[in-house]
C-alpha atoms as a PDB file:
ATOM      1  CA  UNK A   1      72.353  58.003 106.900  1.00  0.00           C
ATOM      2  CA  UNK A   2      71.770  59.734 110.227  1.00  0.00           C
ATOM      3  CA  UNK A   3      75.470  59.495 111.184  1.00  0.00           C
ATOM      4  CA  UNK A   4      76.530  60.995 107.831  1.00  0.00           C
ATOM      5  CA  UNK A   5      74.192  63.974 108.342  1.00  0.00           C
ATOM      6  CA  UNK A   6      75.541  64.631 111.842  1.00  0.00           C
ATOM      7  CA  UNK A   7      79.133  64.362 110.599  1.00  0.00           C
ATOM      8  CA  UNK A   8      78.514  66.835 107.753  1.00  0.00           C
ATOM      9  CA  UNK A   9      76.775  69.289 110.123  1.00  0.00           C
ATOM     10  CA  UNK A  10      79.610  68.995 112.660  1.00  0.00           C
ATOM     11  CA  UNK A  11      82.247  69.612 109.995  1.00  0.00           C
ATOM     12  CA  UNK A  12      80.367  72.700 108.782  1.00  0.00           C
ATOM     13  CA  UNK A  13      80.175  74.117 112.320  1.00  0.00           C
ATOM     14  CA  UNK A  14      83.871  73.520 112.946  1.00  0.00           C
ATOM     15  CA  UNK A  15      84.809  75.179 109.646  1.00  0.00           C
ATOM     16  CA  UNK A  16      82.599  78.190 110.371  1.00  0.00           C
ATOM     17  CA  UNK A  17      84.068  78.542 113.850  1.00  0.00           C
ATOM     18  CA  UNK A  18      87.630  78.405 112.539  1.00  0.00           C
ATOM     19  CA  UNK A  19      86.889  81.109 109.991  1.00  0.00           C
ATOM     20  CA  UNK A  20      85.293  83.385 112.577  1.00  0.00           C
ATOM     21  CA  UNK A  21      88.321  83.051 114.872  1.00  0.00           C
ATOM     22  CA  UNK A  22      90.742  84.553 112.325  1.00  0.00           C
ATOM     23  CA  UNK A  23      91.477  88.163 113.308  1.00  0.00           C
ATOM     24  CA  UNK A  24      91.452  90.973 110.785  1.00  0.00           C
ATOM     25  CA  UNK A  25      94.941  92.162 109.917  1.00  0.00           C
ATOM     26  CA  UNK A  26      96.140  95.265 111.758  1.00  0.00           C
ATOM     27  CA  UNK A  27      96.293  98.433 109.648  1.00  0.00           C
ATOM     28  CA  UNK A  28      99.719  99.389 108.350  1.00  0.00           C
ATOM     29  CA  UNK A  29     101.593 101.934 110.512  1.00  0.00           C
ATOM     30  CA  UNK A  30     101.374 105.532 109.308  1.00  0.00           C
ATOM     31  CA  UNK A  31     102.920 108.952 109.964  1.00  0.00           C
ATOM     32  CA  UNK A  32     101.644 112.408 109.035  1.00  0.00           C
ATOM     33  CA  UNK A  33     103.732 115.585 108.892  1.00  0.00           C
ATOM     34  CA  UNK A  34     102.954 119.291 108.834  1.00  0.00           C
ATOM     35  CA  UNK A  35     105.469 122.156 108.721  1.00  0.00           C
ATOM     36  CA  UNK A  36     104.849 125.294 110.809  1.00  0.00           C
ATOM     37  CA  UNK A  37     105.863 127.378 107.779  1.00  0.00           C
ATOM     38  CA  UNK A  38     106.291 126.591 104.105  1.00  0.00           C
ATOM     39  CA  UNK A  39     108.474 129.644 103.370  1.00  0.00           C
ATOM     40  CA  UNK A  40     111.237 130.792 105.737  1.00  0.00           C
ATOM     41  CA  UNK A  41     114.384 132.882 105.755  1.00  0.00           C
ATOM     42  CA  UNK A  42     117.801 131.301 105.894  1.00  0.00           C
ATOM     43  CA  UNK A  43     118.493 130.187 109.488  1.00  0.00           C
ATOM     44  CA  UNK A  44     114.843 130.339 110.634  1.00  0.00           C
ATOM     45  CA  UNK A  45     113.527 127.394 112.624  1.00  0.00           C
ATOM     46  CA  UNK A  46     110.669 125.271 111.310  1.00  0.00           C
ATOM     47  CA  UNK A  47     108.647 123.027 113.597  1.00  0.00           C
ATOM     48  CA  UNK A  48     107.344 119.752 112.204  1.00  0.00           C
ATOM     49  CA  UNK A  49     104.401 118.084 113.922  1.00  0.00           C
ATOM     50  CA  UNK A  50     102.369 115.032 113.135  1.00  0.00           C
ATOM     51  CA  UNK A  51     100.425 112.017 114.248  1.00  0.00           C
ATOM     52  CA  UNK A  52     101.360 108.368 114.148  1.00  0.00           C
ATOM     53  CA  UNK A  53      99.193 105.273 113.989  1.00  0.00           C
ATOM     54  CA  UNK A  54     100.483 101.798 114.702  1.00  0.00           C
ATOM     55  CA  UNK A  55     103.833 103.060 116.025  1.00  0.00           C
ATOM     56  CA  UNK A  56     104.714 102.450 119.678  1.00  0.00           C
ATOM     57  CA  UNK A  57     104.966 105.287 122.152  1.00  0.00           C
ATOM     58  CA  UNK A  58     108.614 106.166 122.766  1.00  0.00           C
ATOM     59  CA  UNK A  59     109.667 105.258 119.224  1.00  0.00           C
ATOM     60  CA  UNK A  60     112.071 107.712 117.615  1.00  0.00           C
ATOM     61  CA  UNK A  61     111.017 109.503 114.423  1.00  0.00           C
ATOM     62  CA  UNK A  62     113.634 111.182 112.229  1.00  0.00           C
ATOM     63  CA  UNK A  63     113.368 114.128 109.857  1.00  0.00           C
ATOM     64  CA  UNK A  64     114.809 113.386 106.417  1.00  0.00           C
ATOM     65  CA  UNK A  65     115.635 115.674 103.479  1.00  0.00           C
ATOM     66  CA  UNK A  66     115.746 114.641  99.843  1.00  0.00           C
ATOM     67  CA  UNK A  67     119.217 115.024  98.329  1.00  0.00           C
ATOM     68  CA  UNK A  68     118.970 114.236  94.628  1.00  0.00           C
ATOM     69  CA  UNK A  69     117.470 110.760  94.467  1.00  0.00           C
ATOM     70  CA  UNK A  70     118.289 109.697  98.031  1.00  0.00           C
ATOM     71  CA  UNK A  71     116.908 110.578 101.457  1.00  0.00           C
ATOM     72  CA  UNK A  72     119.340 111.821 104.098  1.00  0.00           C
ATOM     73  CA  UNK A  73     118.517 111.692 107.810  1.00  0.00           C
ATOM     74  CA  UNK A  74     118.938 114.991 109.626  1.00  0.00           C
ATOM     75  CA  UNK A  75     119.957 115.246 113.298  1.00  0.00           C
ATOM     76  CA  UNK A  76     116.384 116.344 114.132  1.00  0.00           C
ATOM     77  CA  UNK A  77     114.631 113.501 115.957  1.00  0.00           C
ATOM     78  CA  UNK A  78     111.751 113.198 118.401  1.00  0.00           C
ATOM     79  CA  UNK A  79     110.143 110.507 120.509  1.00  0.00           C
ATOM     80  CA  UNK A  80     106.511 109.609 119.934  1.00  0.00           C
ATOM     81  CA  UNK A  81     104.376 110.692 122.898  1.00  0.00           C
ATOM     82  CA  UNK A  82     100.951 109.046 122.844  1.00  0.00           C
ATOM     83  CA  UNK A  83     100.180 109.350 119.138  1.00  0.00           C
ATOM     84  CA  UNK A  84     102.086 112.490 118.160  1.00  0.00           C
ATOM     85  CA  UNK A  85     105.523 114.036 117.806  1.00  0.00           C
ATOM     86  CA  UNK A  86     107.098 117.483 117.443  1.00  0.00           C
ATOM     87  CA  UNK A  87     110.571 118.331 116.159  1.00  0.00           C
ATOM     88  CA  UNK A  88     112.373 121.472 114.998  1.00  0.00           C
ATOM     89  CA  UNK A  89     115.124 122.114 112.491  1.00  0.00           C
ATOM     90  CA  UNK A  90     116.893 125.062 110.831  1.00  0.00           C
ATOM     91  CA  UNK A  91     117.992 125.208 107.219  1.00  0.00           C
ATOM     92  CA  UNK A  92     121.413 126.448 106.121  1.00  0.00           C
ATOM     93  CA  UNK A  93     120.995 126.618 102.361  1.00  0.00           C
ATOM     94  CA  UNK A  94     118.569 128.470 100.123  1.00  0.00           C
ATOM     95  CA  UNK A  95     116.102 126.708  97.858  1.00  0.00           C
ATOM     96  CA  UNK A  96     113.211 124.292  98.136  1.00  0.00           C
ATOM     97  CA  UNK A  97     113.772 121.517 100.662  1.00  0.00           C
ATOM     98  CA  UNK A  98     111.657 118.358 100.333  1.00  0.00           C
ATOM     99  CA  UNK A  99     111.287 116.620 103.690  1.00  0.00           C
ATOM    100  CA  UNK A 100     109.591 113.644 105.317  1.00  0.00           C
ATOM    101  CA  UNK A 101     109.491 111.928 108.701  1.00  0.00           C
ATOM    102  CA  UNK A 102     110.542 108.297 109.107  1.00  0.00           C
ATOM    103  CA  UNK A 103     110.291 105.541 111.686  1.00  0.00           C
ATOM    104  CA  UNK A 104     111.820 102.271 110.559  1.00  0.00           C
ATOM    105  CA  UNK A 105     110.151 101.375 107.274  1.00  0.00           C
ATOM    106  CA  UNK A 106     107.261 103.789 107.785  1.00  0.00           C
ATOM    107  CA  UNK A 107     107.505 107.197 106.126  1.00  0.00           C
ATOM    108  CA  UNK A 108     105.220 110.206 105.894  1.00  0.00           C
ATOM    109  CA  UNK A 109     104.197 111.996 102.740  1.00  0.00           C
ATOM    110  CA  UNK A 110     106.593 114.713 101.601  1.00  0.00           C
ATOM    111  CA  UNK A 111     106.358 118.347 102.704  1.00  0.00           C
ATOM    112  CA  UNK A 112     108.212 121.229 101.027  1.00  0.00           C
ATOM    113  CA  UNK A 113     109.814 124.240 102.694  1.00  0.00           C
ATOM    114  CA  UNK A 114     111.166 127.132 100.632  1.00  0.00           C
ATOM    115  CA  UNK A 115     114.238 128.740 102.199  1.00  0.00           C
ATOM    116  CA  UNK A 116     115.030 132.332 101.068  1.00  0.00           C
END
């Protein structure tokens, strides 16, 4: 009887220790974006800034514009420095441009810029 009690107690301790050793999953990577202006004239530059979380320093983020149902990468890119980035682009057509910033499979929320 004594051996059975010790065996059950030992098994419980081992199981508790194994559970405690499992690390919590890392949060999913994220990107934020903010435009320096939401309404600009044709040809004006707009600066996009934001923060990243879970993305390595030196990674390249790319500005994308929505074209119908698809996203098209623009030539505007920036490297992540510490936890932030800054990039600039000009727009050559009038209307509302819907944009986002992307790194691999991680994308920011959309931001709109009206070009007049």
